[in-house]
């Protein structure tokens, strides 16, 4: 298999759980929770979309992502610079890119996110795309909450989502 058909993965230990960082080419394509709600779903989708296999390997992109996560968890970073590769449908990519417009330390509901993306009647589709995000934290799906203000599903579990939101709001710093 050619080098370009490899997703290089590396483990990252976050204060709220273990993450698997993955790069394809020169971009980050995965920041996924090792103990996730639906094991293997993200990996299967990436393998199919990118026509690639996984191999353990630390790349410059993964090192940059790890440095930026270190800064984020230390309270010194509010946005990320590592180049991202979204592997999904056009609609999913629109949703994932839109997540970056949700400010650090704030939350939106799925309905508000749908409004922001100019698809107000597609709340369920926005929620499904949010749930399929392969680049947690970098595409901050943890900032999306239920209509009633409660925390809703998160790939890394509700405890990790709560940790991230409290950290961003300065509750745990």
N, C-alpha and C. Protein backbone atom coordinates (compact mmCIF):
# COMPACT_ATOMS: atom_id res chain seq x y z
N UNK A 1 0.84 -1.18 0.00
CA UNK A 1 0.00 0.00 0.00
C UNK A 1 0.88 1.24 0.00
N UNK A 2 0.49 2.24 -0.79
CA UNK A 2 1.27 3.47 -0.88
C UNK A 2 1.17 4.26 0.42
N UNK A 3 2.19 5.07 0.67
CA UNK A 3 2.22 5.85 1.91
C UNK A 3 1.00 6.76 2.03
N UNK A 4 0.52 7.30 0.92
CA UNK A 4 -0.63 8.19 0.95
C UNK A 4 -1.92 7.51 1.35
N UNK A 5 -1.93 6.19 1.40
CA UNK A 5 -3.14 5.45 1.77
C UNK A 5 -3.10 4.96 3.21
N UNK A 6 -2.33 5.64 4.03
CA UNK A 6 -2.19 5.26 5.43
C UNK A 6 -2.73 6.39 6.31
N UNK A 7 -3.54 6.02 7.28
CA UNK A 7 -3.93 6.95 8.33
C UNK A 7 -3.03 6.63 9.51
N UNK A 8 -2.12 7.55 9.82
CA UNK A 8 -1.18 7.35 10.93
C UNK A 8 -1.86 7.75 12.23
N UNK A 9 -1.86 6.85 13.20
CA UNK A 9 -2.56 7.10 14.45
C UNK A 9 -1.60 7.06 15.64
N UNK A 10 -1.96 7.83 16.65
CA UNK A 10 -1.15 7.92 17.86
C UNK A 10 -2.08 8.21 19.03
N UNK A 11 -1.79 7.65 20.19
CA UNK A 11 -2.61 7.87 21.38
C UNK A 11 -2.22 9.18 22.07
N UNK A 12 -3.24 9.85 22.61
CA UNK A 12 -3.04 11.07 23.39
C UNK A 12 -3.86 10.92 24.67
N UNK A 13 -3.22 11.12 25.79
CA UNK A 13 -3.91 11.01 27.08
C UNK A 13 -4.37 12.40 27.52
N UNK A 14 -5.66 12.63 27.43
CA UNK A 14 -6.26 13.89 27.87
C UNK A 14 -6.70 13.74 29.32
N UNK A 15 -6.90 14.85 30.02
CA UNK A 15 -7.34 14.75 31.42
C UNK A 15 -8.72 14.11 31.59
N UNK A 16 -9.48 14.02 30.51
CA UNK A 16 -10.84 13.47 30.60
C UNK A 16 -11.02 12.19 29.79
N UNK A 17 -9.92 11.61 29.33
CA UNK A 17 -10.02 10.36 28.58
C UNK A 17 -8.94 10.23 27.54
N UNK A 18 -8.79 9.03 27.01
CA UNK A 18 -7.75 8.78 26.01
C UNK A 18 -8.30 9.02 24.61
N UNK A 19 -7.51 9.72 23.81
CA UNK A 19 -7.89 10.04 22.43
C UNK A 19 -6.98 9.33 21.45
N UNK A 20 -7.51 9.07 20.28
CA UNK A 20 -6.72 8.52 19.18
C UNK A 20 -6.66 9.60 18.11
N UNK A 21 -5.45 10.13 17.88
CA UNK A 21 -5.24 11.15 16.86
C UNK A 21 -4.81 10.46 15.58
N UNK A 22 -5.36 10.91 14.44
CA UNK A 22 -5.01 10.31 13.17
C UNK A 22 -4.76 11.36 12.11
N UNK A 23 -3.73 11.13 11.30
CA UNK A 23 -3.45 12.05 10.19
C UNK A 23 -3.44 11.28 8.88
N UNK A 24 -3.88 11.97 7.85
CA UNK A 24 -3.88 11.43 6.49
C UNK A 24 -3.27 12.51 5.63
N UNK A 25 -2.15 12.20 4.98
CA UNK A 25 -1.44 13.25 4.26
C UNK A 25 -0.92 14.26 5.26
N UNK A 26 -1.19 15.50 5.01
CA UNK A 26 -0.69 16.58 5.87
C UNK A 26 -1.78 17.17 6.74
N UNK A 27 -2.87 16.41 6.99
CA UNK A 27 -3.97 16.97 7.77
C UNK A 27 -4.47 15.97 8.82
N UNK A 28 -5.02 16.53 9.88
CA UNK A 28 -5.61 15.72 10.95
C UNK A 28 -7.00 15.28 10.50
N UNK A 29 -7.24 13.98 10.51
CA UNK A 29 -8.55 13.46 10.09
C UNK A 29 -9.30 12.81 11.25
N UNK A 30 -8.64 12.65 12.40
CA UNK A 30 -9.30 11.98 13.50
C UNK A 30 -8.77 12.45 14.85
N UNK A 31 -9.70 12.73 15.73
CA UNK A 31 -9.44 12.91 17.15
C UNK A 31 -10.63 12.24 17.82
N UNK A 32 -10.47 10.97 18.08
CA UNK A 32 -11.59 10.14 18.51
C UNK A 32 -11.30 9.55 19.88
N UNK A 33 -12.34 9.39 20.66
CA UNK A 33 -12.20 8.83 22.00
C UNK A 33 -11.96 7.34 21.91
N UNK A 34 -10.98 6.84 22.63
CA UNK A 34 -10.68 5.41 22.63
C UNK A 34 -11.86 4.64 23.19
N UNK A 35 -12.41 5.12 24.30
CA UNK A 35 -13.61 4.50 24.86
C UNK A 35 -14.79 5.33 24.41
N UNK A 36 -15.33 4.96 23.26
CA UNK A 36 -16.42 5.73 22.67
C UNK A 36 -17.73 4.97 22.74
N UNK A 37 -18.79 5.72 22.46
CA UNK A 37 -20.13 5.17 22.52
C UNK A 37 -20.36 4.08 21.46
N UNK A 38 -19.83 4.29 20.28
CA UNK A 38 -20.01 3.35 19.16
C UNK A 38 -18.64 2.91 18.65
N UNK A 39 -18.00 1.95 19.31
CA UNK A 39 -16.63 1.54 18.95
C UNK A 39 -16.49 1.16 17.48
N UNK A 40 -15.46 1.70 16.85
CA UNK A 40 -15.11 1.35 15.49
C UNK A 40 -15.85 2.09 14.40
N UNK A 41 -16.91 2.81 14.75
CA UNK A 41 -17.72 3.49 13.72
C UNK A 41 -16.90 4.54 12.96
N UNK A 42 -16.19 5.38 13.68
CA UNK A 42 -15.39 6.43 13.04
C UNK A 42 -14.30 5.81 12.18
N UNK A 43 -13.63 4.80 12.71
CA UNK A 43 -12.55 4.16 11.96
C UNK A 43 -13.06 3.53 10.67
N UNK A 44 -14.21 2.85 10.73
CA UNK A 44 -14.78 2.24 9.51
C UNK A 44 -15.13 3.30 8.48
N UNK A 45 -15.71 4.40 8.93
CA UNK A 45 -16.09 5.46 7.99
C UNK A 45 -14.85 6.10 7.35
N UNK A 46 -13.83 6.37 8.15
CA UNK A 46 -12.61 6.96 7.59
C UNK A 46 -11.93 6.00 6.62
N UNK A 47 -11.85 4.74 6.99
CA UNK A 47 -11.23 3.74 6.11
C UNK A 47 -11.95 3.73 4.76
N UNK A 48 -13.27 3.74 4.77
CA UNK A 48 -14.03 3.72 3.53
C UNK A 48 -13.93 5.00 2.74
N UNK A 49 -14.06 6.14 3.40
CA UNK A 49 -14.02 7.44 2.72
C UNK A 49 -12.65 7.73 2.11
N UNK A 50 -11.60 7.39 2.84
CA UNK A 50 -10.25 7.74 2.40
C UNK A 50 -9.56 6.59 1.67
N UNK A 51 -10.17 5.42 1.65
CA UNK A 51 -9.53 4.27 1.00
C UNK A 51 -8.18 3.97 1.61
N UNK A 52 -8.13 4.01 2.94
CA UNK A 52 -6.86 3.90 3.65
C UNK A 52 -6.96 2.88 4.78
N UNK A 53 -5.80 2.45 5.23
CA UNK A 53 -5.69 1.58 6.39
C UNK A 53 -5.00 2.34 7.51
N UNK A 54 -5.16 1.85 8.72
CA UNK A 54 -4.56 2.48 9.89
C UNK A 54 -3.21 1.84 10.21
N UNK A 55 -2.28 2.68 10.64
CA UNK A 55 -0.97 2.20 11.10
C UNK A 55 -0.51 3.12 12.23
N UNK A 56 0.05 2.53 13.26
CA UNK A 56 0.58 3.33 14.36
C UNK A 56 1.79 4.09 13.86
N UNK A 57 1.77 5.39 14.07
CA UNK A 57 2.89 6.22 13.64
C UNK A 57 2.68 7.66 14.02
N UNK A 58 3.69 8.28 14.54
CA UNK A 58 3.62 9.67 14.95
C UNK A 58 4.12 10.54 13.80
N UNK A 59 3.24 11.39 13.29
CA UNK A 59 3.59 12.30 12.19
C UNK A 59 3.70 13.72 12.73
N UNK A 60 4.20 14.63 11.92
CA UNK A 60 4.29 16.03 12.33
C UNK A 60 2.90 16.59 12.62
N UNK A 61 1.91 16.21 11.82
CA UNK A 61 0.54 16.68 12.05
C UNK A 61 0.03 16.20 13.41
N UNK A 62 0.27 14.95 13.72
CA UNK A 62 -0.16 14.40 15.01
C UNK A 62 0.59 15.08 16.15
N UNK A 63 1.87 15.33 15.98
CA UNK A 63 2.65 16.04 17.01
C UNK A 63 2.09 17.45 17.23
N UNK A 64 1.77 18.15 16.12
CA UNK A 64 1.19 19.48 16.23
C UNK A 64 -0.15 19.42 16.96
N UNK A 65 -0.99 18.46 16.60
CA UNK A 65 -2.29 18.31 17.27
C UNK A 65 -2.10 18.06 18.76
N UNK A 66 -1.15 17.21 19.12
CA UNK A 66 -0.89 16.92 20.54
C UNK A 66 -0.41 18.17 21.28
N UNK A 67 0.47 18.95 20.65
CA UNK A 67 0.94 20.20 21.28
C UNK A 67 -0.24 21.15 21.50
N UNK A 68 -1.09 21.27 20.49
CA UNK A 68 -2.23 22.18 20.61
C UNK A 68 -3.22 21.69 21.67
N UNK A 69 -3.40 20.38 21.77
CA UNK A 69 -4.25 19.84 22.84
C UNK A 69 -3.64 20.10 24.21
N UNK A 70 -2.32 19.96 24.34
CA UNK A 70 -1.64 20.28 25.60
C UNK A 70 -1.95 21.72 26.01
N UNK A 71 -1.83 22.64 25.05
CA UNK A 71 -2.09 24.06 25.32
C UNK A 71 -3.57 24.29 25.66
N UNK A 72 -4.45 23.62 24.94
CA UNK A 72 -5.89 23.73 25.18
C UNK A 72 -6.22 23.28 26.61
N UNK A 73 -5.74 22.12 27.00
CA UNK A 73 -6.04 21.61 28.33
C UNK A 73 -5.35 22.40 29.43
N UNK A 74 -4.28 23.12 29.10
CA UNK A 74 -3.60 23.98 30.08
C UNK A 74 -4.25 25.37 30.14
N UNK A 75 -5.29 25.59 29.33
CA UNK A 75 -5.98 26.88 29.33
C UNK A 75 -5.28 27.96 28.53
N UNK A 76 -4.33 27.58 27.68
CA UNK A 76 -3.57 28.57 26.90
C UNK A 76 -3.98 28.61 25.42
N UNK A 77 -4.98 27.87 25.03
CA UNK A 77 -5.40 27.86 23.62
C UNK A 77 -6.92 27.76 23.57
N UNK A 78 -7.51 28.62 22.72
CA UNK A 78 -8.96 28.63 22.55
C UNK A 78 -9.40 28.21 21.16
N UNK A 79 -8.47 28.16 20.22
CA UNK A 79 -8.77 27.69 18.86
C UNK A 79 -7.54 26.94 18.36
N UNK A 80 -7.73 26.24 17.26
CA UNK A 80 -6.68 25.35 16.77
C UNK A 80 -6.21 25.75 15.38
N UNK A 81 -4.93 25.47 15.11
CA UNK A 81 -4.31 25.81 13.83
C UNK A 81 -3.98 24.59 12.98
N UNK A 82 -3.98 23.40 13.56
CA UNK A 82 -3.61 22.21 12.81
C UNK A 82 -4.59 22.07 11.63
N UNK A 83 -4.08 21.75 10.43
CA UNK A 83 -4.98 21.59 9.28
C UNK A 83 -5.85 20.35 9.44
N UNK A 84 -7.13 20.50 9.13
CA UNK A 84 -8.10 19.42 9.32
C UNK A 84 -8.56 18.85 7.98
N UNK A 85 -8.83 17.57 7.99
CA UNK A 85 -9.42 16.87 6.84
C UNK A 85 -10.74 16.28 7.30
N UNK A 86 -11.84 16.83 6.80
CA UNK A 86 -13.16 16.30 7.12
C UNK A 86 -13.52 15.26 6.07
N UNK A 87 -13.83 14.06 6.50
CA UNK A 87 -14.16 12.97 5.59
C UNK A 87 -15.63 12.60 5.78
N UNK A 88 -16.49 13.28 5.03
CA UNK A 88 -17.92 13.02 5.13
C UNK A 88 -18.63 13.58 3.92
N UNK A 89 -19.94 13.58 3.98
CA UNK A 89 -20.74 14.16 2.90
C UNK A 89 -20.58 15.67 2.91
N UNK A 90 -21.02 16.32 1.86
CA UNK A 90 -20.95 17.79 1.81
C UNK A 90 -21.71 18.40 2.99
N UNK A 91 -22.88 17.85 3.30
CA UNK A 91 -23.67 18.37 4.41
C UNK A 91 -22.94 18.17 5.74
N UNK A 92 -22.41 16.98 5.96
CA UNK A 92 -21.67 16.73 7.20
C UNK A 92 -20.50 17.69 7.34
N UNK A 93 -19.76 17.89 6.26
CA UNK A 93 -18.61 18.81 6.31
C UNK A 93 -19.06 20.23 6.63
N UNK A 94 -20.20 20.64 6.09
CA UNK A 94 -20.73 21.97 6.40
C UNK A 94 -21.00 22.10 7.90
N UNK A 95 -21.60 21.07 8.47
CA UNK A 95 -21.89 21.08 9.91
C UNK A 95 -20.59 21.11 10.71
N UNK A 96 -19.65 20.25 10.35
CA UNK A 96 -18.39 20.17 11.11
C UNK A 96 -17.61 21.48 11.03
N UNK A 97 -17.59 22.11 9.86
CA UNK A 97 -16.91 23.41 9.75
C UNK A 97 -17.66 24.47 10.57
N UNK A 98 -18.98 24.37 10.59
CA UNK A 98 -19.78 25.32 11.35
C UNK A 98 -19.55 25.25 12.85
N UNK A 99 -19.14 24.09 13.33
CA UNK A 99 -18.87 23.95 14.76
C UNK A 99 -17.78 24.92 15.22
N UNK A 100 -16.85 25.24 14.34
CA UNK A 100 -15.76 26.16 14.69
C UNK A 100 -16.28 27.57 14.97
N UNK A 101 -17.51 27.87 14.51
CA UNK A 101 -18.08 29.20 14.75
C UNK A 101 -18.75 29.31 16.12
N UNK A 102 -18.84 28.20 16.84
CA UNK A 102 -19.38 28.24 18.20
C UNK A 102 -18.23 28.66 19.11
N UNK A 103 -18.34 29.84 19.74
CA UNK A 103 -17.22 30.36 20.53
C UNK A 103 -16.81 29.46 21.69
N UNK A 104 -15.53 29.49 21.97
CA UNK A 104 -14.94 28.80 23.13
C UNK A 104 -15.73 29.18 24.38
N UNK A 105 -16.09 28.20 25.18
CA UNK A 105 -16.78 28.46 26.43
C UNK A 105 -18.27 28.69 26.31
N UNK A 106 -18.81 28.62 25.09
CA UNK A 106 -20.24 28.81 24.89
C UNK A 106 -20.85 27.55 24.31
N UNK A 107 -22.16 27.49 24.35
CA UNK A 107 -22.88 26.35 23.79
C UNK A 107 -24.01 26.84 22.90
N UNK A 108 -24.44 25.97 22.00
CA UNK A 108 -25.62 26.21 21.17
C UNK A 108 -26.44 24.92 21.17
N UNK A 109 -27.72 25.06 20.87
CA UNK A 109 -28.55 23.88 20.70
C UNK A 109 -28.43 23.41 19.25
N UNK A 110 -28.93 22.20 18.99
CA UNK A 110 -28.92 21.71 17.61
C UNK A 110 -29.74 22.64 16.72
N UNK A 111 -30.84 23.16 17.24
CA UNK A 111 -31.66 24.09 16.47
C UNK A 111 -30.92 25.38 16.16
N UNK A 112 -30.20 25.91 17.14
CA UNK A 112 -29.42 27.13 16.91
C UNK A 112 -28.31 26.88 15.90
N UNK A 113 -27.68 25.72 15.97
CA UNK A 113 -26.64 25.39 14.99
C UNK A 113 -27.24 25.28 13.60
N UNK A 114 -28.41 24.67 13.48
CA UNK A 114 -29.09 24.58 12.18
C UNK A 114 -29.40 25.98 11.65
N UNK A 115 -29.83 26.89 12.52
CA UNK A 115 -30.07 28.29 12.10
C UNK A 115 -28.78 28.94 11.62
N UNK A 116 -27.70 28.75 12.37
CA UNK A 116 -26.40 29.34 11.99
C UNK A 116 -25.96 28.87 10.61
N UNK A 117 -26.32 27.63 10.26
CA UNK A 117 -25.90 27.04 8.99
C UNK A 117 -26.92 27.27 7.88
N UNK A 118 -27.96 28.06 8.18
CA UNK A 118 -29.03 28.36 7.21
C UNK A 118 -29.78 27.12 6.75
N UNK A 119 -29.96 26.17 7.64
CA UNK A 119 -30.77 24.97 7.36
C UNK A 119 -31.71 24.74 8.55
N UNK A 120 -32.57 25.73 8.85
CA UNK A 120 -33.38 25.66 10.07
C UNK A 120 -34.33 24.48 10.16
N UNK A 121 -34.68 23.88 9.04
CA UNK A 121 -35.60 22.74 9.06
C UNK A 121 -34.87 21.41 9.10
N UNK A 122 -33.56 21.45 9.22
CA UNK A 122 -32.75 20.23 9.19
C UNK A 122 -32.09 19.94 10.54
N UNK A 123 -32.81 20.20 11.61
CA UNK A 123 -32.24 20.03 12.95
C UNK A 123 -31.78 18.59 13.18
N UNK A 124 -32.61 17.61 12.81
CA UNK A 124 -32.25 16.21 13.01
C UNK A 124 -31.00 15.85 12.20
N UNK A 125 -30.92 16.32 10.95
CA UNK A 125 -29.75 16.03 10.11
C UNK A 125 -28.50 16.68 10.70
N UNK A 126 -28.64 17.89 11.24
CA UNK A 126 -27.52 18.56 11.90
C UNK A 126 -27.07 17.75 13.12
N UNK A 127 -28.02 17.25 13.89
CA UNK A 127 -27.69 16.44 15.07
C UNK A 127 -26.97 15.15 14.65
N UNK A 128 -27.44 14.52 13.59
CA UNK A 128 -26.79 13.29 13.12
C UNK A 128 -25.37 13.56 12.63
N UNK A 129 -25.19 14.66 11.89
CA UNK A 129 -23.85 15.02 11.41
C UNK A 129 -22.93 15.33 12.60
N UNK A 130 -23.45 16.04 13.59
CA UNK A 130 -22.67 16.35 14.77
C UNK A 130 -22.20 15.07 15.45
N UNK A 131 -23.07 14.08 15.52
CA UNK A 131 -22.73 12.81 16.14
C UNK A 131 -21.73 11.99 15.35
N UNK A 132 -21.58 12.30 14.07
CA UNK A 132 -20.64 11.55 13.22
C UNK A 132 -19.28 12.24 13.10
N UNK A 133 -19.08 13.31 13.84
CA UNK A 133 -17.83 14.06 13.78
C UNK A 133 -16.64 13.18 14.20
N UNK A 134 -15.64 13.10 13.35
CA UNK A 134 -14.45 12.27 13.63
C UNK A 134 -13.32 13.07 14.27
N UNK A 135 -13.49 14.38 14.38
CA UNK A 135 -12.39 15.22 14.88
C UNK A 135 -12.87 15.98 16.12
N UNK A 136 -13.24 15.22 17.15
CA UNK A 136 -13.70 15.82 18.41
C UNK A 136 -12.69 16.86 18.90
N UNK A 137 -13.19 17.81 19.62
CA UNK A 137 -12.45 18.91 20.23
C UNK A 137 -12.00 19.91 19.16
N UNK A 138 -11.33 19.47 18.11
CA UNK A 138 -10.88 20.38 17.04
C UNK A 138 -12.09 20.93 16.28
N UNK A 139 -13.07 20.10 16.00
CA UNK A 139 -14.39 20.52 15.52
C UNK A 139 -15.28 20.32 16.74
N UNK A 140 -15.50 21.39 17.53
CA UNK A 140 -15.99 21.26 18.90
C UNK A 140 -17.46 20.87 19.04
N UNK A 141 -17.76 19.62 18.73
CA UNK A 141 -19.12 19.11 18.84
C UNK A 141 -19.60 19.05 20.29
N UNK A 142 -18.66 19.11 21.24
CA UNK A 142 -19.06 19.10 22.65
C UNK A 142 -19.81 20.37 23.04
N UNK A 143 -19.75 21.41 22.22
CA UNK A 143 -20.42 22.67 22.52
C UNK A 143 -21.88 22.68 22.11
N UNK A 144 -22.38 21.58 21.59
CA UNK A 144 -23.78 21.49 21.17
C UNK A 144 -24.55 20.71 22.23
N UNK A 145 -25.66 21.32 22.68
CA UNK A 145 -26.47 20.74 23.76
C UNK A 145 -27.91 20.57 23.29
N UNK A 146 -28.70 19.91 24.11
CA UNK A 146 -30.11 19.69 23.79
C UNK A 146 -30.92 20.98 23.89
N UNK A 147 -32.09 20.95 23.28
CA UNK A 147 -32.98 22.11 23.26
C UNK A 147 -33.32 22.60 24.67
N UNK A 148 -33.40 21.67 25.62
CA UNK A 148 -33.76 22.02 27.00
C UNK A 148 -32.55 22.43 27.84
N UNK A 149 -31.37 22.54 27.19
CA UNK A 149 -30.17 22.96 27.90
C UNK A 149 -29.38 21.83 28.54
N UNK A 150 -29.90 20.61 28.44
CA UNK A 150 -29.19 19.47 29.03
C UNK A 150 -28.10 18.97 28.10
N UNK A 151 -27.11 18.34 28.70
CA UNK A 151 -26.07 17.70 27.91
C UNK A 151 -26.67 16.48 27.22
N UNK A 152 -26.34 16.34 25.95
CA UNK A 152 -26.83 15.20 25.18
C UNK A 152 -25.64 14.37 24.74
N UNK A 153 -25.90 13.26 24.07
CA UNK A 153 -24.87 12.31 23.69
C UNK A 153 -23.56 12.91 23.21
N UNK A 154 -22.50 12.20 23.52
CA UNK A 154 -21.16 12.62 23.12
C UNK A 154 -20.32 11.36 22.99
N UNK A 155 -19.54 11.27 21.91
CA UNK A 155 -18.73 10.08 21.65
C UNK A 155 -17.84 9.68 22.80
N UNK A 156 -17.32 10.64 23.52
CA UNK A 156 -16.44 10.35 24.65
C UNK A 156 -17.18 10.18 25.96
N UNK A 157 -18.52 10.26 25.90
CA UNK A 157 -19.34 10.13 27.10
C UNK A 157 -19.68 11.49 27.69
N UNK A 158 -20.76 11.53 28.44
CA UNK A 158 -21.21 12.80 29.01
C UNK A 158 -20.24 13.37 30.04
N UNK A 159 -19.50 12.52 30.74
CA UNK A 159 -18.53 13.02 31.71
C UNK A 159 -17.43 13.81 31.01
N UNK A 160 -16.96 13.33 29.86
CA UNK A 160 -15.94 14.05 29.09
C UNK A 160 -16.51 15.36 28.55
N UNK A 161 -17.73 15.33 28.05
CA UNK A 161 -18.36 16.54 27.53
C UNK A 161 -18.49 17.59 28.64
N UNK A 162 -18.95 17.15 29.80
CA UNK A 162 -19.09 18.06 30.95
C UNK A 162 -17.73 18.63 31.34
N UNK A 163 -16.71 17.79 31.37
CA UNK A 163 -15.36 18.24 31.70
C UNK A 163 -14.91 19.35 30.74
N UNK A 164 -15.07 19.11 29.42
CA UNK A 164 -14.63 20.08 28.42
C UNK A 164 -15.37 21.40 28.56
N UNK A 165 -16.68 21.35 28.74
CA UNK A 165 -17.47 22.58 28.86
C UNK A 165 -17.11 23.33 30.14
N UNK A 166 -16.94 22.63 31.24
CA UNK A 166 -16.55 23.30 32.49
C UNK A 166 -15.16 23.89 32.38
N UNK A 167 -14.25 23.17 31.75
CA UNK A 167 -12.89 23.68 31.57
C UNK A 167 -12.93 24.97 30.75
N UNK A 168 -13.69 24.97 29.66
CA UNK A 168 -13.76 26.15 28.81
C UNK A 168 -14.41 27.33 29.52
N UNK A 169 -15.31 27.06 30.42
CA UNK A 169 -15.98 28.13 31.17
C UNK A 169 -15.16 28.57 32.37
N UNK A 170 -14.02 27.91 32.60
CA UNK A 170 -13.15 28.29 33.70
C UNK A 170 -13.53 27.69 35.04
N UNK A 171 -14.46 26.75 35.04
CA UNK A 171 -14.91 26.15 36.29
C UNK A 171 -13.82 25.29 36.91
N UNK A 172 -13.03 24.60 36.06
CA UNK A 172 -12.02 23.66 36.58
C UNK A 172 -10.60 24.23 36.55
N UNK A 173 -10.41 25.41 36.02
CA UNK A 173 -9.05 25.93 35.87
C UNK A 173 -8.48 26.43 37.18
